[in-house]
């Protein structure tokens, strides 16, 4: 429903959701720490590991990269006199705080309990607000997926409107044609548009495979590092200079434009 009604409803929902979600996360932390209490060895249990640190950094970086397109999409509609810094910091703190609070809550629950069922333990440690935390988590997943789906459909329709500017699809048409438009845009891209970008993208994915660590596949390099996913680092190191060199080579191959005739 959020996706179908679109832009205005997404903003309306999230104006209240940020207060609800953030408030419940903070309330849960206060309840667990202040009311339930933490074990005496809470700050000393466990130890630092390089693999664990890299895994945490990778999760944070990948989370930010995944949401970068949303920042780019909205910043295109900002007034020309808008401060670029405010766009960056508002987007940054939105994604960072939205990540840190649930992760901090999960870390506290993980250290404060011995039950491998962390969801059940969160419900126990949160006491009277455990049911509310579960509802907020469920609503949070629904809200995030609605934004993901809306963004994907919007990008697909935009691709189609590039070739038919007067086309304004309705809600049913948008839902039906979204997959078809994505397929068409991919075919057009491989035929004549963005060859350099696609080449760098495909090569980047190929070199990342040994360093990937997912539920479906874990590469040999990731296995050697206890499942730490460093594919994003390898991808950036390879694709950024590769794209630059390919683009520079294409520019140098283009014939120079003929100078305009002198006016008398």
C-alpha atoms as a PDB file:
ATOM      1  CA  UNK A   1       0.000   0.000   0.000  1.00  0.00           C
ATOM      2  CA  UNK A   2       2.854   2.385   0.816  1.00  0.00           C
ATOM      3  CA  UNK A   3       4.469   1.638  -2.537  1.00  0.00           C
ATOM      4  CA  UNK A   4       1.253   2.082  -4.522  1.00  0.00           C
ATOM      5  CA  UNK A   5       0.429   5.473  -2.990  1.00  0.00           C
ATOM      6  CA  UNK A   6       4.073   6.415  -3.408  1.00  0.00           C
ATOM      7  CA  UNK A   7       6.079   9.511  -2.590  1.00  0.00           C
ATOM      8  CA  UNK A   8       3.734  11.450  -0.299  1.00  0.00           C
ATOM      9  CA  UNK A   9       2.745   8.421   1.754  1.00  0.00           C
ATOM     10  CA  UNK A  10       6.360   7.306   2.138  1.00  0.00           C
ATOM     11  CA  UNK A  11       7.216  10.705   3.621  1.00  0.00           C
ATOM     12  CA  UNK A  12       4.095  10.779   5.795  1.00  0.00           C
ATOM     13  CA  UNK A  13       4.758   7.284   7.186  1.00  0.00           C
ATOM     14  CA  UNK A  14       8.433   7.898   7.863  1.00  0.00           C
ATOM     15  CA  UNK A  15       7.866  11.191   9.663  1.00  0.00           C
ATOM     16  CA  UNK A  16       6.093   9.160  12.347  1.00  0.00           C
ATOM     17  CA  UNK A  17       8.151   5.997  11.903  1.00  0.00           C
ATOM     18  CA  UNK A  18      11.436   7.703  12.816  1.00  0.00           C
ATOM     19  CA  UNK A  19       9.922   8.786  16.131  1.00  0.00           C
ATOM     20  CA  UNK A  20       8.305   5.406  16.811  1.00  0.00           C
ATOM     21  CA  UNK A  21      11.285   3.261  15.801  1.00  0.00           C
ATOM     22  CA  UNK A  22      13.926   5.427  17.447  1.00  0.00           C
ATOM     23  CA  UNK A  23      11.866   5.827  20.609  1.00  0.00           C
ATOM     24  CA  UNK A  24      11.297   2.096  20.999  1.00  0.00           C
ATOM     25  CA  UNK A  25      14.989   1.298  20.439  1.00  0.00           C
ATOM     26  CA  UNK A  26      16.030   3.798  23.112  1.00  0.00           C
ATOM     27  CA  UNK A  27      13.259   2.628  25.456  1.00  0.00           C
ATOM     28  CA  UNK A  28      14.396  -0.976  25.084  1.00  0.00           C
ATOM     29  CA  UNK A  29      18.014  -0.098  25.861  1.00  0.00           C
ATOM     30  CA  UNK A  30      16.954   1.857  28.930  1.00  0.00           C
ATOM     31  CA  UNK A  31      14.762  -0.998  30.125  1.00  0.00           C
ATOM     32  CA  UNK A  32      17.422  -3.675  29.580  1.00  0.00           C
ATOM     33  CA  UNK A  33      20.264  -1.680  31.151  1.00  0.00           C
ATOM     34  CA  UNK A  34      18.352   0.164  33.876  1.00  0.00           C
ATOM     35  CA  UNK A  35      15.612  -2.258  34.888  1.00  0.00           C
ATOM     36  CA  UNK A  36      16.797  -5.727  33.980  1.00  0.00           C
ATOM     37  CA  UNK A  37      20.469  -4.993  34.552  1.00  0.00           C
ATOM     38  CA  UNK A  38      23.564  -6.216  32.758  1.00  0.00           C
ATOM     39  CA  UNK A  39      25.882  -9.045  33.899  1.00  0.00           C
ATOM     40  CA  UNK A  40      28.988  -8.076  35.858  1.00  0.00           C
ATOM     41  CA  UNK A  41      31.320  -9.158  33.044  1.00  0.00           C
ATOM     42  CA  UNK A  42      29.411  -7.223  30.365  1.00  0.00           C
ATOM     43  CA  UNK A  43      32.285  -4.865  29.506  1.00  0.00           C
ATOM     44  CA  UNK A  44      35.037  -7.513  29.783  1.00  0.00           C
ATOM     45  CA  UNK A  45      33.539 -10.551  28.063  1.00  0.00           C
ATOM     46  CA  UNK A  46      34.886 -11.528  24.668  1.00  0.00           C
ATOM     47  CA  UNK A  47      37.964 -10.103  22.955  1.00  0.00           C
ATOM     48  CA  UNK A  48      38.936  -8.073  19.925  1.00  0.00           C
ATOM     49  CA  UNK A  49      39.567  -9.884  16.646  1.00  0.00           C
ATOM     50  CA  UNK A  50      40.669  -8.492  13.316  1.00  0.00           C
ATOM     51  CA  UNK A  51      38.092 -10.571  11.466  1.00  0.00           C
ATOM     52  CA  UNK A  52      35.278  -9.347  13.667  1.00  0.00           C
ATOM     53  CA  UNK A  53      36.347  -5.742  13.211  1.00  0.00           C
ATOM     54  CA  UNK A  54      36.541  -6.065   9.430  1.00  0.00           C
ATOM     55  CA  UNK A  55      33.144  -7.759   9.357  1.00  0.00           C
ATOM     56  CA  UNK A  56      31.615  -4.874  11.293  1.00  0.00           C
ATOM     57  CA  UNK A  57      33.219  -2.300   9.015  1.00  0.00           C
ATOM     58  CA  UNK A  58      32.047  -4.213   5.940  1.00  0.00           C
ATOM     59  CA  UNK A  59      28.470  -4.309   7.216  1.00  0.00           C
ATOM     60  CA  UNK A  60      28.510  -0.573   7.852  1.00  0.00           C
ATOM     61  CA  UNK A  61      30.019   0.311   4.481  1.00  0.00           C
ATOM     62  CA  UNK A  62      27.760  -2.011   2.504  1.00  0.00           C
ATOM     63  CA  UNK A  63      24.717  -0.602   4.281  1.00  0.00           C
ATOM     64  CA  UNK A  64      25.683   2.938   3.291  1.00  0.00           C
ATOM     65  CA  UNK A  65      26.454   1.928  -0.305  1.00  0.00           C
ATOM     66  CA  UNK A  66      23.102   0.169  -0.593  1.00  0.00           C
ATOM     67  CA  UNK A  67      21.224   3.337   0.381  1.00  0.00           C
ATOM     68  CA  UNK A  68      23.359   5.735  -1.654  1.00  0.00           C
ATOM     69  CA  UNK A  69      20.948   5.646  -4.643  1.00  0.00           C
ATOM     70  CA  UNK A  70      18.143   7.023  -2.477  1.00  0.00           C
ATOM     71  CA  UNK A  71      20.291   9.989  -1.500  1.00  0.00           C
ATOM     72  CA  UNK A  72      21.190  10.601  -5.138  1.00  0.00           C
ATOM     73  CA  UNK A  73      17.561  10.396  -6.248  1.00  0.00           C
ATOM     74  CA  UNK A  74      16.255  12.976  -3.802  1.00  0.00           C
ATOM     75  CA  UNK A  75      19.213  15.331  -4.101  1.00  0.00           C
ATOM     76  CA  UNK A  76      18.430  15.800  -7.805  1.00  0.00           C
ATOM     77  CA  UNK A  77      15.227  17.648  -6.861  1.00  0.00           C
ATOM     78  CA  UNK A  78      16.817  19.984  -4.328  1.00  0.00           C
ATOM     79  CA  UNK A  79      16.791  23.740  -5.028  1.00  0.00           C
ATOM     80  CA  UNK A  80      19.999  25.028  -6.671  1.00  0.00           C
ATOM     81  CA  UNK A  81      20.814  27.171  -3.631  1.00  0.00           C
ATOM     82  CA  UNK A  82      20.527  24.224  -1.230  1.00  0.00           C
ATOM     83  CA  UNK A  83      23.666  23.537   0.761  1.00  0.00           C
ATOM     84  CA  UNK A  84      25.291  20.304  -0.365  1.00  0.00           C
ATOM     85  CA  UNK A  85      26.562  19.715   3.161  1.00  0.00           C
ATOM     86  CA  UNK A  86      23.062  19.615   4.638  1.00  0.00           C
ATOM     87  CA  UNK A  87      21.976  17.001   2.089  1.00  0.00           C
ATOM     88  CA  UNK A  88      24.971  14.855   2.969  1.00  0.00           C
ATOM     89  CA  UNK A  89      24.659  15.112   6.748  1.00  0.00           C
ATOM     90  CA  UNK A  90      20.891  14.637   6.871  1.00  0.00           C
ATOM     91  CA  UNK A  91      21.219  11.525   4.719  1.00  0.00           C
ATOM     92  CA  UNK A  92      24.263  10.309   6.643  1.00  0.00           C
ATOM     93  CA  UNK A  93      22.745  10.614  10.099  1.00  0.00           C
ATOM     94  CA  UNK A  94      19.478   9.107   8.886  1.00  0.00           C
ATOM     95  CA  UNK A  95      21.133   5.914   7.692  1.00  0.00           C
ATOM     96  CA  UNK A  96      23.759   5.791  10.463  1.00  0.00           C
ATOM     97  CA  UNK A  97      21.397   6.291  13.403  1.00  0.00           C
ATOM     98  CA  UNK A  98      18.901   3.931  11.818  1.00  0.00           C
ATOM     99  CA  UNK A  99      21.654   1.308  11.756  1.00  0.00           C
ATOM    100  CA  UNK A 100      23.471   1.995  15.016  1.00  0.00           C
ATOM    101  CA  UNK A 101      20.470   1.836  17.352  1.00  0.00           C
ATOM    102  CA  UNK A 102      19.243  -1.645  16.294  1.00  0.00           C
ATOM    103  CA  UNK A 103      22.828  -2.955  16.092  1.00  0.00           C
ATOM    104  CA  UNK A 104      23.616  -1.558  19.539  1.00  0.00           C
ATOM    105  CA  UNK A 105      20.472  -3.164  20.902  1.00  0.00           C
ATOM    106  CA  UNK A 106      21.448  -6.476  19.293  1.00  0.00           C
ATOM    107  CA  UNK A 107      24.981  -6.280  20.742  1.00  0.00           C
ATOM    108  CA  UNK A 108      23.628  -5.621  24.231  1.00  0.00           C
ATOM    109  CA  UNK A 109      21.194  -8.536  23.993  1.00  0.00           C
ATOM    110  CA  UNK A 110      23.873 -10.831  22.575  1.00  0.00           C
ATOM    111  CA  UNK A 111      26.339 -10.145  25.405  1.00  0.00           C
ATOM    112  CA  UNK A 112      23.747  -9.992  28.187  1.00  0.00           C
ATOM    113  CA  UNK A 113      22.266 -13.410  27.400  1.00  0.00           C
ATOM    114  CA  UNK A 114      23.350 -16.993  26.821  1.00  0.00           C
ATOM    115  CA  UNK A 115      20.246 -18.061  24.919  1.00  0.00           C
ATOM    116  CA  UNK A 116      21.086 -18.680  21.225  1.00  0.00           C
ATOM    117  CA  UNK A 117      17.559 -17.578  20.305  1.00  0.00           C
ATOM    118  CA  UNK A 118      18.243 -13.847  20.336  1.00  0.00           C
ATOM    119  CA  UNK A 119      14.684 -12.862  19.384  1.00  0.00           C
ATOM    120  CA  UNK A 120      13.259 -14.765  22.324  1.00  0.00           C
ATOM    121  CA  UNK A 121      15.937 -13.322  24.598  1.00  0.00           C
ATOM    122  CA  UNK A 122      15.206  -9.789  23.418  1.00  0.00           C
ATOM    123  CA  UNK A 123      11.554 -10.369  24.315  1.00  0.00           C
ATOM    124  CA  UNK A 124      12.567 -11.582  27.772  1.00  0.00           C
ATOM    125  CA  UNK A 125      15.102  -8.842  28.521  1.00  0.00           C
ATOM    126  CA  UNK A 126      12.763  -6.101  27.291  1.00  0.00           C
ATOM    127  CA  UNK A 127      10.131  -7.215  29.765  1.00  0.00           C
ATOM    128  CA  UNK A 128       6.936  -5.269  29.351  1.00  0.00           C
ATOM    129  CA  UNK A 129       7.958  -3.661  26.055  1.00  0.00           C
ATOM    130  CA  UNK A 130       9.140  -6.824  24.321  1.00  0.00           C
ATOM    131  CA  UNK A 131       5.943  -7.170  22.286  1.00  0.00           C
ATOM    132  CA  UNK A 132       6.285  -3.565  21.148  1.00  0.00           C
ATOM    133  CA  UNK A 133       9.860  -4.157  19.975  1.00  0.00           C
ATOM    134  CA  UNK A 134       8.710  -7.126  17.878  1.00  0.00           C
ATOM    135  CA  UNK A 135       5.968  -5.053  16.243  1.00  0.00           C
ATOM    136  CA  UNK A 136       8.406  -2.232  15.478  1.00  0.00           C
ATOM    137  CA  UNK A 137      10.871  -4.668  13.895  1.00  0.00           C
ATOM    138  CA  UNK A 138       8.105  -6.076  11.693  1.00  0.00           C
ATOM    139  CA  UNK A 139       6.920  -2.602  10.677  1.00  0.00           C
ATOM    140  CA  UNK A 140      10.507  -1.555  10.022  1.00  0.00           C
ATOM    141  CA  UNK A 141      11.030  -4.412   7.558  1.00  0.00           C
ATOM    142  CA  UNK A 142       7.761  -3.541   5.792  1.00  0.00           C
ATOM    143  CA  UNK A 143       8.732   0.118   5.600  1.00  0.00           C
ATOM    144  CA  UNK A 144      12.208  -0.608   4.231  1.00  0.00           C
ATOM    145  CA  UNK A 145      10.886  -3.005   1.603  1.00  0.00           C
ATOM    146  CA  UNK A 146       8.269  -0.495   0.496  1.00  0.00           C
ATOM    147  CA  UNK A 147      11.001   2.070  -0.180  1.00  0.00           C
ATOM    148  CA  UNK A 148      13.104  -0.519  -2.013  1.00  0.00           C
ATOM    149  CA  UNK A 149      10.171  -1.555  -4.194  1.00  0.00           C
ATOM    150  CA  UNK A 150       9.100   2.037  -4.860  1.00  0.00           C
ATOM    151  CA  UNK A 151      12.629   3.035  -5.854  1.00  0.00           C
ATOM    152  CA  UNK A 152      12.982   0.080  -8.207  1.00  0.00           C
ATOM    153  CA  UNK A 153       9.667   0.718  -9.947  1.00  0.00           C
ATOM    154  CA  UNK A 154      10.393   4.447 -10.205  1.00  0.00           C
ATOM    155  CA  UNK A 155      13.756   3.859 -11.861  1.00  0.00           C
ATOM    156  CA  UNK A 156      12.187   1.386 -14.296  1.00  0.00           C
ATOM    157  CA  UNK A 157       9.433   3.800 -15.299  1.00  0.00           C
ATOM    158  CA  UNK A 158      11.935   6.619 -15.696  1.00  0.00           C
ATOM    159  CA  UNK A 159      13.846   4.453 -18.165  1.00  0.00           C
ATOM    160  CA  UNK A 160      10.688   3.940 -20.202  1.00  0.00           C
ATOM    161  CA  UNK A 161       9.779   7.631 -20.139  1.00  0.00           C
ATOM    162  CA  UNK A 162      13.173   8.430 -21.606  1.00  0.00           C
ATOM    163  CA  UNK A 163      11.866   7.007 -24.865  1.00  0.00           C
ATOM    164  CA  UNK A 164       8.186   8.081 -24.482  1.00  0.00           C
ATOM    165  CA  UNK A 165       8.036  11.367 -22.593  1.00  0.00           C
ATOM    166  CA  UNK A 166       4.251  11.723 -22.797  1.00  0.00           C
ATOM    167  CA  UNK A 167       3.631   8.292 -21.279  1.00  0.00           C
ATOM    168  CA  UNK A 168       2.140   8.548 -17.762  1.00  0.00           C
ATOM    169  CA  UNK A 169       1.371   5.020 -16.490  1.00  0.00           C
ATOM    170  CA  UNK A 170      -1.286   4.348 -13.869  1.00  0.00           C
ATOM    171  CA  UNK A 171      -0.806   2.252 -10.752  1.00  0.00           C
ATOM    172  CA  UNK A 172      -1.832  -1.039 -12.380  1.00  0.00           C
ATOM    173  CA  UNK A 173       0.292  -0.431 -15.432  1.00  0.00           C
ATOM    174  CA  UNK A 174       3.255   0.519 -13.245  1.00  0.00           C
ATOM    175  CA  UNK A 175       2.990  -2.754 -11.349  1.00  0.00           C
ATOM    176  CA  UNK A 176       2.636  -4.907 -14.476  1.00  0.00           C
ATOM    177  CA  UNK A 177       5.279  -3.239 -16.635  1.00  0.00           C
ATOM    178  CA  UNK A 178       7.998  -2.713 -14.030  1.00  0.00           C
ATOM    179  CA  UNK A 179       9.679  -6.059 -14.678  1.00  0.00           C
ATOM    180  CA  UNK A 180       9.343  -5.688 -18.465  1.00  0.00           C
ATOM    181  CA  UNK A 181      10.882  -2.207 -18.397  1.00  0.00           C
ATOM    182  CA  UNK A 182      13.856  -3.418 -16.367  1.00  0.00           C
ATOM    183  CA  UNK A 183      14.466  -6.177 -18.919  1.00  0.00           C
ATOM    184  CA  UNK A 184      14.143  -3.772 -21.845  1.00  0.00           C
ATOM    185  CA  UNK A 185      16.492  -1.250 -20.274  1.00  0.00           C
ATOM    186  CA  UNK A 186      19.090  -3.974 -19.736  1.00  0.00           C
ATOM    187  CA  UNK A 187      18.899  -5.044 -23.392  1.00  0.00           C
ATOM    188  CA  UNK A 188      19.231  -1.444 -24.578  1.00  0.00           C
ATOM    189  CA  UNK A 189      22.137  -0.829 -22.217  1.00  0.00           C
ATOM    190  CA  UNK A 190      24.078  -3.864 -23.535  1.00  0.00           C
ATOM    191  CA  UNK A 191      23.294  -2.848 -27.120  1.00  0.00           C
ATOM    192  CA  UNK A 192      24.534   0.748 -27.233  1.00  0.00           C
ATOM    193  CA  UNK A 193      24.436   2.561 -23.871  1.00  0.00           C
ATOM    194  CA  UNK A 194      27.058   2.619 -21.123  1.00  0.00           C
ATOM    195  CA  UNK A 195      29.328  -0.089 -22.453  1.00  0.00           C
ATOM    196  CA  UNK A 196      32.286   1.102 -20.399  1.00  0.00           C
ATOM    197  CA  UNK A 197      30.268   1.225 -17.209  1.00  0.00           C
ATOM    198  CA  UNK A 198      28.809  -2.238 -17.800  1.00  0.00           C
ATOM    199  CA  UNK A 199      32.243  -3.652 -18.594  1.00  0.00           C
ATOM    200  CA  UNK A 200      33.733  -2.288 -15.378  1.00  0.00           C
ATOM    201  CA  UNK A 201      30.662  -3.456 -13.453  1.00  0.00           C
ATOM    202  CA  UNK A 202      30.838  -7.039 -14.750  1.00  0.00           C
ATOM    203  CA  UNK A 203      34.601  -7.273 -14.185  1.00  0.00           C
ATOM    204  CA  UNK A 204      34.101  -5.858 -10.696  1.00  0.00           C
ATOM    205  CA  UNK A 205      31.582  -8.578  -9.854  1.00  0.00           C
ATOM    206  CA  UNK A 206      33.901 -11.267 -11.235  1.00  0.00           C
ATOM    207  CA  UNK A 207      36.877 -10.209  -9.105  1.00  0.00           C
ATOM    208  CA  UNK A 208      34.657  -9.929  -6.010  1.00  0.00           C
ATOM    209  CA  UNK A 209      33.489 -13.561  -6.144  1.00  0.00           C
ATOM    210  CA  UNK A 210      36.445 -15.082  -4.193  1.00  0.00           C
ATOM    211  CA  UNK A 211      35.962 -12.470  -1.454  1.00  0.00           C
ATOM    212  CA  UNK A 212      32.167 -12.784  -1.106  1.00  0.00           C
ATOM    213  CA  UNK A 213      30.597 -14.157   2.065  1.00  0.00           C
ATOM    214  CA  UNK A 214      26.858 -14.741   1.733  1.00  0.00           C
ATOM    215  CA  UNK A 215      24.317 -17.360   2.735  1.00  0.00           C
ATOM    216  CA  UNK A 216      24.356 -18.688  -0.826  1.00  0.00           C
ATOM    217  CA  UNK A 217      28.090 -18.664  -1.475  1.00  0.00           C
ATOM    218  CA  UNK A 218      31.335 -18.038   0.392  1.00  0.00           C
ATOM    219  CA  UNK A 219      34.494 -17.590  -1.653  1.00  0.00           C
ATOM    220  CA  UNK A 220      37.866 -19.144  -0.773  1.00  0.00           C
ATOM    221  CA  UNK A 221      39.394 -15.812   0.271  1.00  0.00           C
ATOM    222  CA  UNK A 222      36.438 -15.055   2.564  1.00  0.00           C
ATOM    223  CA  UNK A 223      36.627 -18.566   4.035  1.00  0.00           C
ATOM    224  CA  UNK A 224      40.308 -18.065   4.815  1.00  0.00           C
ATOM    225  CA  UNK A 225      39.362 -14.924   6.784  1.00  0.00           C
ATOM    226  CA  UNK A 226      36.661 -16.637   8.864  1.00  0.00           C
ATOM    227  CA  UNK A 227      33.827 -15.476   6.626  1.00  0.00           C
ATOM    228  CA  UNK A 228      34.802 -11.802   6.483  1.00  0.00           C
ATOM    229  CA  UNK A 229      33.336 -10.177   3.362  1.00  0.00           C
ATOM    230  CA  UNK A 230      35.884  -7.859   1.745  1.00  0.00           C
ATOM    231  CA  UNK A 231      34.386  -7.985  -1.737  1.00  0.00           C
ATOM    232  CA  UNK A 232      33.339  -4.331  -1.573  1.00  0.00           C
ATOM    233  CA  UNK A 233      36.963  -3.244  -1.061  1.00  0.00           C
ATOM    234  CA  UNK A 234      38.211  -5.380  -3.948  1.00  0.00           C
ATOM    235  CA  UNK A 235      35.388  -4.127  -6.158  1.00  0.00           C
ATOM    236  CA  UNK A 236      36.183  -0.476  -5.521  1.00  0.00           C
ATOM    237  CA  UNK A 237      39.926  -0.950  -5.940  1.00  0.00           C
ATOM    238  CA  UNK A 238      39.423  -2.634  -9.326  1.00  0.00           C
ATOM    239  CA  UNK A 239      36.414  -0.860 -10.862  1.00  0.00           C
ATOM    240  CA  UNK A 240      37.307   2.763 -10.060  1.00  0.00           C
ATOM    241  CA  UNK A 241      40.681   2.875 -11.883  1.00  0.00           C
ATOM    242  CA  UNK A 242      39.386   0.502 -14.584  1.00  0.00           C
ATOM    243  CA  UNK A 243      36.426   2.740 -15.378  1.00  0.00           C
ATOM    244  CA  UNK A 244      38.651   5.822 -15.382  1.00  0.00           C
ATOM    245  CA  UNK A 245      41.179   4.281 -17.779  1.00  0.00           C
ATOM    246  CA  UNK A 246      38.518   2.933 -20.144  1.00  0.00           C
ATOM    247  CA  UNK A 247      36.633   6.232 -20.202  1.00  0.00           C
ATOM    248  CA  UNK A 248      39.838   8.208 -20.767  1.00  0.00           C
ATOM    249  CA  UNK A 249      40.813   5.900 -23.598  1.00  0.00           C
ATOM    250  CA  UNK A 250      37.422   6.363 -25.259  1.00  0.00           C
ATOM    251  CA  UNK A 251      37.685  10.149 -25.021  1.00  0.00           C
ATOM    252  CA  UNK A 252      41.140  10.206 -26.602  1.00  0.00           C
ATOM    253  CA  UNK A 253      39.868   8.073 -29.507  1.00  0.00           C
ATOM    254  CA  UNK A 254      37.046  10.468 -30.395  1.00  0.00           C
ATOM    255  CA  UNK A 255      37.805  12.796 -33.330  1.00  0.00           C
ATOM    256  CA  UNK A 256      38.335  16.373 -32.360  1.00  0.00           C
ATOM    257  CA  UNK A 257      35.420  18.678 -33.118  1.00  0.00           C
ATOM    258  CA  UNK A 258      35.899  20.908 -36.160  1.00  0.00           C
ATOM    259  CA  UNK A 259      36.439  24.564 -35.191  1.00  0.00           C
ATOM    260  CA  UNK A 260      33.664  26.969 -36.020  1.00  0.00           C
ATOM    261  CA  UNK A 261      34.365  29.204 -39.041  1.00  0.00           C
ATOM    262  CA  UNK A 262      35.508  32.699 -38.201  1.00  0.00           C
ATOM    263  CA  UNK A 263      32.765  35.289 -38.326  1.00  0.00           C
ATOM    264  CA  UNK A 264      33.281  38.369 -40.477  1.00  0.00           C
END
